[in-house]
PDB file of N, CA and C in Angstrom:
ATOM      1  N   MET A   1       0.824  -1.195   0.000  1.00  0.00           N
ATOM      2  CA  MET A   1       0.000   0.000   0.000  1.00  0.00           C
ATOM      3  C   MET A   1       0.870   1.261   0.000  1.00  0.00           C
ATOM      4  N   LYS A   2       1.962   1.263   0.752  1.00  0.00           N
ATOM      5  CA  LYS A   2       2.823   2.444   0.828  1.00  0.00           C
ATOM      6  C   LYS A   2       3.478   2.728  -0.520  1.00  0.00           C
ATOM      7  N   ILE A   3       3.872   1.669  -1.219  1.00  0.00           N
ATOM      8  CA  ILE A   3       4.518   1.863  -2.523  1.00  0.00           C
ATOM      9  C   ILE A   3       3.528   2.470  -3.512  1.00  0.00           C
ATOM     10  N   ARG A   4       2.293   2.027  -3.490  1.00  0.00           N
ATOM     11  CA  ARG A   4       1.272   2.560  -4.382  1.00  0.00           C
ATOM     12  C   ARG A   4       1.046   4.045  -4.092  1.00  0.00           C
ATOM     13  N   ASN A   5       0.988   4.436  -2.814  1.00  0.00           N
ATOM     14  CA  ASN A   5       0.801   5.844  -2.450  1.00  0.00           C
ATOM     15  C   ASN A   5       1.995   6.680  -2.887  1.00  0.00           C
ATOM     16  N   LEU A   6       3.191   6.130  -2.725  1.00  0.00           N
ATOM     17  CA  LEU A   6       4.400   6.840  -3.118  1.00  0.00           C
ATOM     18  C   LEU A   6       4.422   7.049  -4.631  1.00  0.00           C
ATOM     19  N   THR A   7       4.038   6.020  -5.375  1.00  0.00           N
ATOM     20  CA  THR A   7       3.989   6.120  -6.832  1.00  0.00           C
ATOM     21  C   THR A   7       2.968   7.173  -7.258  1.00  0.00           C
ATOM     22  N   ALA A   8       1.809   7.159  -6.632  1.00  0.00           N
ATOM     23  CA  ALA A   8       0.780   8.155  -6.961  1.00  0.00           C
ATOM     24  C   ALA A   8       1.269   9.556  -6.635  1.00  0.00           C
ATOM     25  N   LEU A   9       1.957   9.697  -5.524  1.00  0.00           N
ATOM     26  CA  LEU A   9       2.494  11.009  -5.138  1.00  0.00           C
ATOM     27  C   LEU A   9       3.515  11.481  -6.158  1.00  0.00           C
ATOM     28  N   MET A  10       4.402  10.589  -6.580  1.00  0.00           N
ATOM     29  CA  MET A  10       5.433  10.966  -7.547  1.00  0.00           C
ATOM     30  C   MET A  10       4.805  11.350  -8.885  1.00  0.00           C
ATOM     31  N   LEU A  11       3.811  10.586  -9.329  1.00  0.00           N
ATOM     32  CA  LEU A  11       3.132  10.936 -10.581  1.00  0.00           C
ATOM     33  C   LEU A  11       2.412  12.273 -10.459  1.00  0.00           C
ATOM     34  N   GLY A  12       1.757  12.476  -9.344  1.00  0.00           N
ATOM     35  CA  GLY A  12       1.059  13.741  -9.116  1.00  0.00           C
ATOM     36  C   GLY A  12       2.009  14.919  -9.129  1.00  0.00           C
ATOM     37  N   LEU A  13       3.154  14.766  -8.490  1.00  0.00           N
ATOM     38  CA  LEU A  13       4.135  15.854  -8.466  1.00  0.00           C
ATOM     39  C   LEU A  13       4.709  16.119  -9.845  1.00  0.00           C
ATOM     40  N   SER A  14       4.885  15.064 -10.641  1.00  0.00           N
ATOM     41  CA  SER A  14       5.425  15.291 -11.984  1.00  0.00           C
ATOM     42  C   SER A  14       4.433  16.073 -12.840  1.00  0.00           C
ATOM     43  N   PHE A  15       3.118  15.811 -12.688  1.00  0.00           N
ATOM     44  CA  PHE A  15       2.115  16.571 -13.435  1.00  0.00           C
ATOM     45  C   PHE A  15       2.053  18.015 -12.951  1.00  0.00           C
ATOM     46  N   VAL A  16       2.160  18.221 -11.651  1.00  0.00           N
ATOM     47  CA  VAL A  16       2.163  19.585 -11.118  1.00  0.00           C
ATOM     48  C   VAL A  16       3.369  20.336 -11.641  1.00  0.00           C
ATOM     49  N   GLY A  17       4.531  19.677 -11.646  1.00  0.00           N
ATOM     50  CA  GLY A  17       5.740  20.314 -12.166  1.00  0.00           C
ATOM     51  C   GLY A  17       5.591  20.705 -13.622  1.00  0.00           C
ATOM     52  N   ALA A  18       4.961  19.833 -14.408  1.00  0.00           N
ATOM     53  CA  ALA A  18       4.758  20.143 -15.825  1.00  0.00           C
ATOM     54  C   ALA A  18       3.804  21.315 -16.005  1.00  0.00           C
ATOM     55  N   ALA A  19       2.804  21.418 -15.138  1.00  0.00           N
ATOM     56  CA  ALA A  19       1.837  22.512 -15.246  1.00  0.00           C
ATOM     57  C   ALA A  19       2.474  23.857 -14.941  1.00  0.00           C
ATOM     58  N   PHE A  20       3.474  23.878 -14.072  1.00  0.00           N
ATOM     59  CA  PHE A  20       4.121  25.121 -13.692  1.00  0.00           C
ATOM     60  C   PHE A  20       5.468  25.314 -14.363  1.00  0.00           C
ATOM     61  N   ALA A  21       5.747  24.560 -15.387  1.00  0.00           N
ATOM     62  CA  ALA A  21       7.010  24.717 -16.103  1.00  0.00           C
ATOM     63  C   ALA A  21       7.038  26.094 -16.750  1.00  0.00           C
ATOM     64  N   ALA A  22       8.241  26.599 -16.934  1.00  0.00           N
ATOM     65  CA  ALA A  22       8.397  27.917 -17.542  1.00  0.00           C
ATOM     66  C   ALA A  22       7.832  27.901 -18.953  1.00  0.00           C
ATOM     67  N   PRO A  23       7.040  28.892 -19.301  1.00  0.00           N
ATOM     68  CA  PRO A  23       6.478  28.927 -20.657  1.00  0.00           C
ATOM     69  C   PRO A  23       7.581  29.188 -21.676  1.00  0.00           C
ATOM     70  N   THR A  24       7.365  28.746 -22.888  1.00  0.00           N
ATOM     71  CA  THR A  24       8.330  29.048 -23.935  1.00  0.00           C
ATOM     72  C   THR A  24       8.259  30.546 -24.198  1.00  0.00           C
ATOM     73  N   THR A  25       9.390  31.150 -24.351  1.00  0.00           N
ATOM     74  CA  THR A  25       9.425  32.597 -24.533  1.00  0.00           C
ATOM     75  C   THR A  25       9.773  32.946 -25.973  1.00  0.00           C
ATOM     76  N   GLN A  26       9.188  33.999 -26.436  1.00  0.00           N
ATOM     77  CA  GLN A  26       9.494  34.530 -27.752  1.00  0.00           C
ATOM     78  C   GLN A  26      10.759  35.376 -27.628  1.00  0.00           C
ATOM     79  N   PRO A  27      11.532  35.493 -28.694  1.00  0.00           N
ATOM     80  CA  PRO A  27      12.707  36.364 -28.629  1.00  0.00           C
ATOM     81  C   PRO A  27      12.279  37.805 -28.362  1.00  0.00           C
ATOM     82  N   LEU A  28      13.094  38.511 -27.619  1.00  0.00           N
ATOM     83  CA  LEU A  28      12.802  39.912 -27.323  1.00  0.00           C
ATOM     84  C   LEU A  28      13.019  40.770 -28.559  1.00  0.00           C
ATOM     85  N   LYS A  29      12.212  41.828 -28.672  1.00  0.00           N
ATOM     86  CA  LYS A  29      12.450  42.814 -29.719  1.00  0.00           C
ATOM     87  C   LYS A  29      13.731  43.538 -29.341  1.00  0.00           C
ATOM     88  N   PRO A  30      14.653  43.718 -30.274  1.00  0.00           N
ATOM     89  CA  PRO A  30      15.918  44.385 -29.942  1.00  0.00           C
ATOM     90  C   PRO A  30      15.710  45.856 -29.584  1.00  0.00           C
ATOM     91  N   TYR A  31      16.553  46.328 -28.697  1.00  0.00           N
ATOM     92  CA  TYR A  31      16.502  47.713 -28.249  1.00  0.00           C
ATOM     93  C   TYR A  31      17.060  48.605 -29.362  1.00  0.00           C
ATOM     94  N   PRO A  32      16.293  49.564 -29.881  1.00  0.00           N
ATOM     95  CA  PRO A  32      16.724  50.341 -31.043  1.00  0.00           C
ATOM     96  C   PRO A  32      17.534  51.602 -30.739  1.00  0.00           C
ATOM     97  N   LEU A  33      17.618  52.007 -29.487  1.00  0.00           N
ATOM     98  CA  LEU A  33      18.281  53.271 -29.161  1.00  0.00           C
ATOM     99  C   LEU A  33      19.741  53.060 -28.767  1.00  0.00           C
ATOM    100  N   LYS A  34      20.548  54.086 -28.930  1.00  0.00           N
ATOM    101  CA  LYS A  34      21.942  54.056 -28.490  1.00  0.00           C
ATOM    102  C   LYS A  34      22.102  54.770 -27.151  1.00  0.00           C
ATOM    103  N   THR A  35      20.965  55.192 -26.593  1.00  0.00           N
ATOM    104  CA  THR A  35      20.957  55.906 -25.324  1.00  0.00           C
ATOM    105  C   THR A  35      20.042  55.201 -24.325  1.00  0.00           C
ATOM    106  N   CYS A  36      20.217  55.525 -23.067  1.00  0.00           N
ATOM    107  CA  CYS A  36      19.381  54.995 -21.994  1.00  0.00           C
ATOM    108  C   CYS A  36      17.954  55.494 -22.183  1.00  0.00           C
ATOM    109  N   ILE A  37      16.999  54.616 -22.016  1.00  0.00           N
ATOM    110  CA  ILE A  37      15.592  54.984 -22.201  1.00  0.00           C
ATOM    111  C   ILE A  37      15.128  55.996 -21.154  1.00  0.00           C
ATOM    112  N   VAL A  38      15.787  56.041 -19.991  1.00  0.00           N
ATOM    113  CA  VAL A  38      15.380  56.940 -18.902  1.00  0.00           C
ATOM    114  C   VAL A  38      16.148  58.250 -18.940  1.00  0.00           C
ATOM    115  N   SER A  39      17.475  58.172 -18.960  1.00  0.00           N
ATOM    116  CA  SER A  39      18.292  59.381 -18.799  1.00  0.00           C
ATOM    117  C   SER A  39      18.798  59.983 -20.105  1.00  0.00           C
ATOM    118  N   ASP A  40      18.689  59.251 -21.190  1.00  0.00           N
ATOM    119  CA  ASP A  40      19.223  59.649 -22.494  1.00  0.00           C
ATOM    120  C   ASP A  40      20.750  59.703 -22.527  1.00  0.00           C
ATOM    121  N   GLU A  41      21.405  59.112 -21.526  1.00  0.00           N
ATOM    122  CA  GLU A  41      22.869  58.989 -21.535  1.00  0.00           C
ATOM    123  C   GLU A  41      23.274  57.967 -22.590  1.00  0.00           C
ATOM    124  N   VAL A  42      24.416  58.174 -23.217  1.00  0.00           N
ATOM    125  CA  VAL A  42      24.923  57.230 -24.206  1.00  0.00           C
ATOM    126  C   VAL A  42      25.244  55.912 -23.505  1.00  0.00           C
ATOM    127  N   LEU A  43      24.780  54.821 -24.083  1.00  0.00           N
ATOM    128  CA  LEU A  43      25.037  53.502 -23.500  1.00  0.00           C
ATOM    129  C   LEU A  43      26.488  53.110 -23.723  1.00  0.00           C
ATOM    130  N   GLY A  44      27.103  52.525 -22.698  1.00  0.00           N
ATOM    131  CA  GLY A  44      28.489  52.095 -22.799  1.00  0.00           C
ATOM    132  C   GLY A  44      29.477  53.228 -22.672  1.00  0.00           C
ATOM    133  N   GLY A  45      29.030  54.382 -22.267  1.00  0.00           N
ATOM    134  CA  GLY A  45      29.912  55.533 -22.108  1.00  0.00           C
ATOM    135  C   GLY A  45      30.552  55.545 -20.727  1.00  0.00           C
ATOM    136  N   ASP A  46      30.545  56.699 -20.103  1.00  0.00           N
ATOM    137  CA  ASP A  46      31.160  56.875 -18.789  1.00  0.00           C
ATOM    138  C   ASP A  46      30.522  56.011 -17.702  1.00  0.00           C
ATOM    139  N   MET A  47      29.283  55.601 -17.908  1.00  0.00           N
ATOM    140  CA  MET A  47      28.569  54.822 -16.892  1.00  0.00           C
ATOM    141  C   MET A  47      28.930  53.335 -16.941  1.00  0.00           C
ATOM    142  N   GLY A  48      29.694  52.922 -17.932  1.00  0.00           N
ATOM    143  CA  GLY A  48      30.063  51.517 -18.057  1.00  0.00           C
ATOM    144  C   GLY A  48      29.089  50.759 -18.941  1.00  0.00           C
ATOM    145  N   GLU A  49      29.146  49.436 -18.834  1.00  0.00           N
ATOM    146  CA  GLU A  49      28.276  48.588 -19.648  1.00  0.00           C
ATOM    147  C   GLU A  49      26.814  48.821 -19.285  1.00  0.00           C
ATOM    148  N   PRO A  50      25.920  48.783 -20.266  1.00  0.00           N
ATOM    149  CA  PRO A  50      24.506  49.004 -19.978  1.00  0.00           C
ATOM    150  C   PRO A  50      23.900  47.879 -19.142  1.00  0.00           C
ATOM    151  N   VAL A  51      22.867  48.226 -18.395  1.00  0.00           N
ATOM    152  CA  VAL A  51      22.072  47.263 -17.650  1.00  0.00           C
ATOM    153  C   VAL A  51      20.949  46.842 -18.597  1.00  0.00           C
ATOM    154  N   VAL A  52      20.873  45.563 -18.905  1.00  0.00           N
ATOM    155  CA  VAL A  52      19.905  45.066 -19.878  1.00  0.00           C
ATOM    156  C   VAL A  52      18.763  44.373 -19.145  1.00  0.00           C
ATOM    157  N   SER A  53      17.551  44.701 -19.542  1.00  0.00           N
ATOM    158  CA  SER A  53      16.358  44.127 -18.941  1.00  0.00           C
ATOM    159  C   SER A  53      15.331  43.926 -20.056  1.00  0.00           C
ATOM    160  N   SER A  54      14.107  43.600 -19.670  1.00  0.00           N
ATOM    161  CA  SER A  54      13.048  43.490 -20.666  1.00  0.00           C
ATOM    162  C   SER A  54      11.737  43.959 -20.059  1.00  0.00           C
ATOM    163  N   TYR A  55      10.845  44.360 -20.940  1.00  0.00           N
ATOM    164  CA  TYR A  55       9.517  44.804 -20.530  1.00  0.00           C
ATOM    165  C   TYR A  55       8.551  44.439 -21.641  1.00  0.00           C
ATOM    166  N   GLU A  56       7.576  43.607 -21.322  1.00  0.00           N
ATOM    167  CA  GLU A  56       6.536  43.199 -22.270  1.00  0.00           C
ATOM    168  C   GLU A  56       7.098  42.788 -23.631  1.00  0.00           C
ATOM    169  N   GLY A  57       8.123  41.937 -23.622  1.00  0.00           N
ATOM    170  CA  GLY A  57       8.686  41.414 -24.859  1.00  0.00           C
ATOM    171  C   GLY A  57       9.680  42.321 -25.556  1.00  0.00           C
ATOM    172  N   GLN A  58      10.003  43.440 -24.936  1.00  0.00           N
ATOM    173  CA  GLN A  58      10.933  44.411 -25.519  1.00  0.00           C
ATOM    174  C   GLN A  58      12.202  44.454 -24.686  1.00  0.00           C
ATOM    175  N   GLU A  59      13.340  44.317 -25.320  1.00  0.00           N
ATOM    176  CA  GLU A  59      14.610  44.502 -24.626  1.00  0.00           C
ATOM    177  C   GLU A  59      14.732  45.978 -24.255  1.00  0.00           C
ATOM    178  N   ILE A  60      15.187  46.244 -23.048  1.00  0.00           N
ATOM    179  CA  ILE A  60      15.375  47.613 -22.570  1.00  0.00           C
ATOM    180  C   ILE A  60      16.804  47.741 -22.048  1.00  0.00           C
ATOM    181  N   LYS A  61      17.449  48.850 -22.350  1.00  0.00           N
ATOM    182  CA  LYS A  61      18.816  49.082 -21.864  1.00  0.00           C
ATOM    183  C   LYS A  61      18.857  50.379 -21.071  1.00  0.00           C
ATOM    184  N   PHE A  62      19.563  50.297 -19.953  1.00  0.00           N
ATOM    185  CA  PHE A  62      19.721  51.433 -19.048  1.00  0.00           C
ATOM    186  C   PHE A  62      21.206  51.736 -18.894  1.00  0.00           C
ATOM    187  N   CYS A  63      21.524  52.989 -18.585  1.00  0.00           N
ATOM    188  CA  CYS A  63      22.921  53.386 -18.429  1.00  0.00           C
ATOM    189  C   CYS A  63      23.498  52.983 -17.078  1.00  0.00           C
ATOM    190  N   CYS A  64      22.636  52.769 -16.074  1.00  0.00           N
ATOM    191  CA  CYS A  64      23.119  52.458 -14.725  1.00  0.00           C
ATOM    192  C   CYS A  64      22.058  51.703 -13.943  1.00  0.00           C
ATOM    193  N   ASN A  65      22.384  51.307 -12.731  1.00  0.00           N
ATOM    194  CA  ASN A  65      21.458  50.549 -11.888  1.00  0.00           C
ATOM    195  C   ASN A  65      20.322  51.396 -11.316  1.00  0.00           C
ATOM    196  N   SER A  66      20.412  52.704 -11.362  1.00  0.00           N
ATOM    197  CA  SER A  66      19.348  53.567 -10.842  1.00  0.00           C
ATOM    198  C   SER A  66      18.184  53.711 -11.821  1.00  0.00           C
ATOM    199  N   CYS A  67      18.469  53.644 -13.092  1.00  0.00           N
ATOM    200  CA  CYS A  67      17.438  53.891 -14.094  1.00  0.00           C
ATOM    201  C   CYS A  67      16.324  52.842 -14.135  1.00  0.00           C
ATOM    202  N   PRO A  68      16.598  51.541 -13.922  1.00  0.00           N
ATOM    203  CA  PRO A  68      15.477  50.591 -13.919  1.00  0.00           C
ATOM    204  C   PRO A  68      14.423  50.912 -12.859  1.00  0.00           C
ATOM    205  N   LYS A  69      14.850  51.441 -11.725  1.00  0.00           N
ATOM    206  CA  LYS A  69      13.901  51.812 -10.659  1.00  0.00           C
ATOM    207  C   LYS A  69      13.011  52.957 -11.123  1.00  0.00           C
ATOM    208  N   LYS A  70      13.590  53.925 -11.799  1.00  0.00           N
ATOM    209  CA  LYS A  70      12.814  55.054 -12.319  1.00  0.00           C
ATOM    210  C   LYS A  70      11.856  54.573 -13.412  1.00  0.00           C
ATOM    211  N   PHE A  71      12.342  53.683 -14.268  1.00  0.00           N
ATOM    212  CA  PHE A  71      11.514  53.120 -15.329  1.00  0.00           C
ATOM    213  C   PHE A  71      10.301  52.397 -14.747  1.00  0.00           C
ATOM    214  N   ALA A  72      10.519  51.632 -13.693  1.00  0.00           N
ATOM    215  CA  ALA A  72       9.447  50.832 -13.078  1.00  0.00           C
ATOM    216  C   ALA A  72       8.323  51.695 -12.508  1.00  0.00           C
ATOM    217  N   LYS A  73       8.620  52.935 -12.152  1.00  0.00           N
ATOM    218  CA  LYS A  73       7.594  53.823 -11.601  1.00  0.00           C
ATOM    219  C   LYS A  73       6.589  54.271 -12.659  1.00  0.00           C
ATOM    220  N   ASP A  74       7.023  54.392 -13.908  1.00  0.00           N
ATOM    221  CA  ASP A  74       6.127  54.832 -14.984  1.00  0.00           C
ATOM    222  C   ASP A  74       6.616  54.296 -16.329  1.00  0.00           C
ATOM    223  N   PRO A  75       6.519  52.979 -16.543  1.00  0.00           N
ATOM    224  CA  PRO A  75       7.046  52.416 -17.782  1.00  0.00           C
ATOM    225  C   PRO A  75       6.398  52.972 -19.045  1.00  0.00           C
ATOM    226  N   ALA A  76       5.112  53.295 -18.998  1.00  0.00           N
ATOM    227  CA  ALA A  76       4.433  53.811 -20.192  1.00  0.00           C
ATOM    228  C   ALA A  76       5.085  55.100 -20.686  1.00  0.00           C
ATOM    229  N   LYS A  77       5.511  55.926 -19.760  1.00  0.00           N
ATOM    230  CA  LYS A  77       6.171  57.189 -20.113  1.00  0.00           C
ATOM    231  C   LYS A  77       7.420  56.927 -20.952  1.00  0.00           C
ATOM    232  N   TYR A  78       8.191  55.940 -20.543  1.00  0.00           N
ATOM    233  CA  TYR A  78       9.444  55.658 -21.241  1.00  0.00           C
ATOM    234  C   TYR A  78       9.236  54.825 -22.501  1.00  0.00           C
ATOM    235  N   MET A  79       8.233  53.969 -22.498  1.00  0.00           N
ATOM    236  CA  MET A  79       7.966  53.146 -23.678  1.00  0.00           C
ATOM    237  C   MET A  79       7.517  53.997 -24.865  1.00  0.00           C
ATOM    238  N   LYS A  80       6.994  55.196 -24.588  1.00  0.00           N
ATOM    239  CA  LYS A  80       6.612  56.112 -25.671  1.00  0.00           C
ATOM    240  C   LYS A  80       7.828  56.471 -26.522  1.00  0.00           C
ATOM    241  N   LYS A  81       9.010  56.516 -25.893  1.00  0.00           N
ATOM    242  CA  LYS A  81      10.231  56.810 -26.648  1.00  0.00           C
ATOM    243  C   LYS A  81      10.476  55.745 -27.710  1.00  0.00           C
ATOM    244  N   LEU A  82      10.227  54.492 -27.339  1.00  0.00           N
ATOM    245  CA  LEU A  82      10.448  53.410 -28.303  1.00  0.00           C
ATOM    246  C   LEU A  82       9.387  53.424 -29.383  1.00  0.00           C
ATOM    247  N   ALA A  83       8.174  53.782 -29.019  1.00  0.00           N
ATOM    248  CA  ALA A  83       7.093  53.838 -30.008  1.00  0.00           C
ATOM    249  C   ALA A  83       7.382  54.917 -31.048  1.00  0.00           C
ATOM    250  N   ALA A  84       8.125  55.941 -30.667  1.00  0.00           N
ATOM    251  CA  ALA A  84       8.416  57.050 -31.569  1.00  0.00           C
ATOM    252  C   ALA A  84       9.571  56.737 -32.531  1.00  0.00           C
ATOM    253  N   VAL A  85      10.304  55.660 -32.271  1.00  0.00           N
ATOM    254  CA  VAL A  85      11.438  55.298 -33.137  1.00  0.00           C
ATOM    255  C   VAL A  85      10.884  54.716 -34.419  1.00  0.00           C
ATOM    256  N   PRO A  86      11.266  55.297 -35.567  1.00  0.00           N
ATOM    257  CA  PRO A  86      10.755  54.762 -36.830  1.00  0.00           C
ATOM    258  C   PRO A  86      11.328  53.372 -37.092  1.00  0.00           C
ATOM    259  N   THR A  87      10.491  52.507 -37.589  1.00  0.00           N
ATOM    260  CA  THR A  87      10.958  51.165 -37.958  1.00  0.00           C
ATOM    261  C   THR A  87      11.390  51.212 -39.401  1.00  0.00           C
ATOM    262  N   THR A  88      12.459  50.514 -39.685  1.00  0.00           N
ATOM    263  CA  THR A  88      12.949  50.498 -41.058  1.00  0.00           C
ATOM    264  C   THR A  88      12.366  49.304 -41.784  1.00  0.00           C
ATOM    265  N   ALA A  89      11.980  49.520 -43.009  1.00  0.00           N
ATOM    266  CA  ALA A  89      11.422  48.449 -43.831  1.00  0.00           C
ATOM    267  C   ALA A  89      12.556  47.532 -44.271  1.00  0.00           C
ATOM    268  N   PRO A  90      12.318  46.227 -44.309  1.00  0.00           N
ATOM    269  CA  PRO A  90      13.368  45.318 -44.769  1.00  0.00           C
ATOM    270  C   PRO A  90      13.732  45.597 -46.218  1.00  0.00           C
ATOM    271  N   SER A  91      15.008  45.509 -46.509  1.00  0.00           N
ATOM    272  CA  SER A  91      15.453  45.757 -47.892  1.00  0.00           C
ATOM    273  C   SER A  91      15.311  44.487 -48.708  1.00  0.00           C
ATOM    274  N   ASN A  92      15.008  44.642 -49.980  1.00  0.00           N
ATOM    275  CA  ASN A  92      14.835  43.481 -50.864  1.00  0.00           C
ATOM    276  C   ASN A  92      16.053  43.273 -51.687  1.00  0.00           C
TER     277      ASN A  92
END
């Protein structure tokens, strides 16, 4: 009886694990700016390597560790900058 309960428990846990497995992710849209989305500082300049993050499927780059906190307070404000960047049509 104990072996049967243990087997049922193991099967149950494997199904639970499968249900909560990480979803497959789509590739992030590349960050189109050469500047920080928050401060407009040049990325990779005096502040060092950019801090890379993502928001709603979009790669986001910041000039320093302080900018992600500012971004998190009002992401829509900063995402407008990306919406304003013209997209280039693929060349044939």
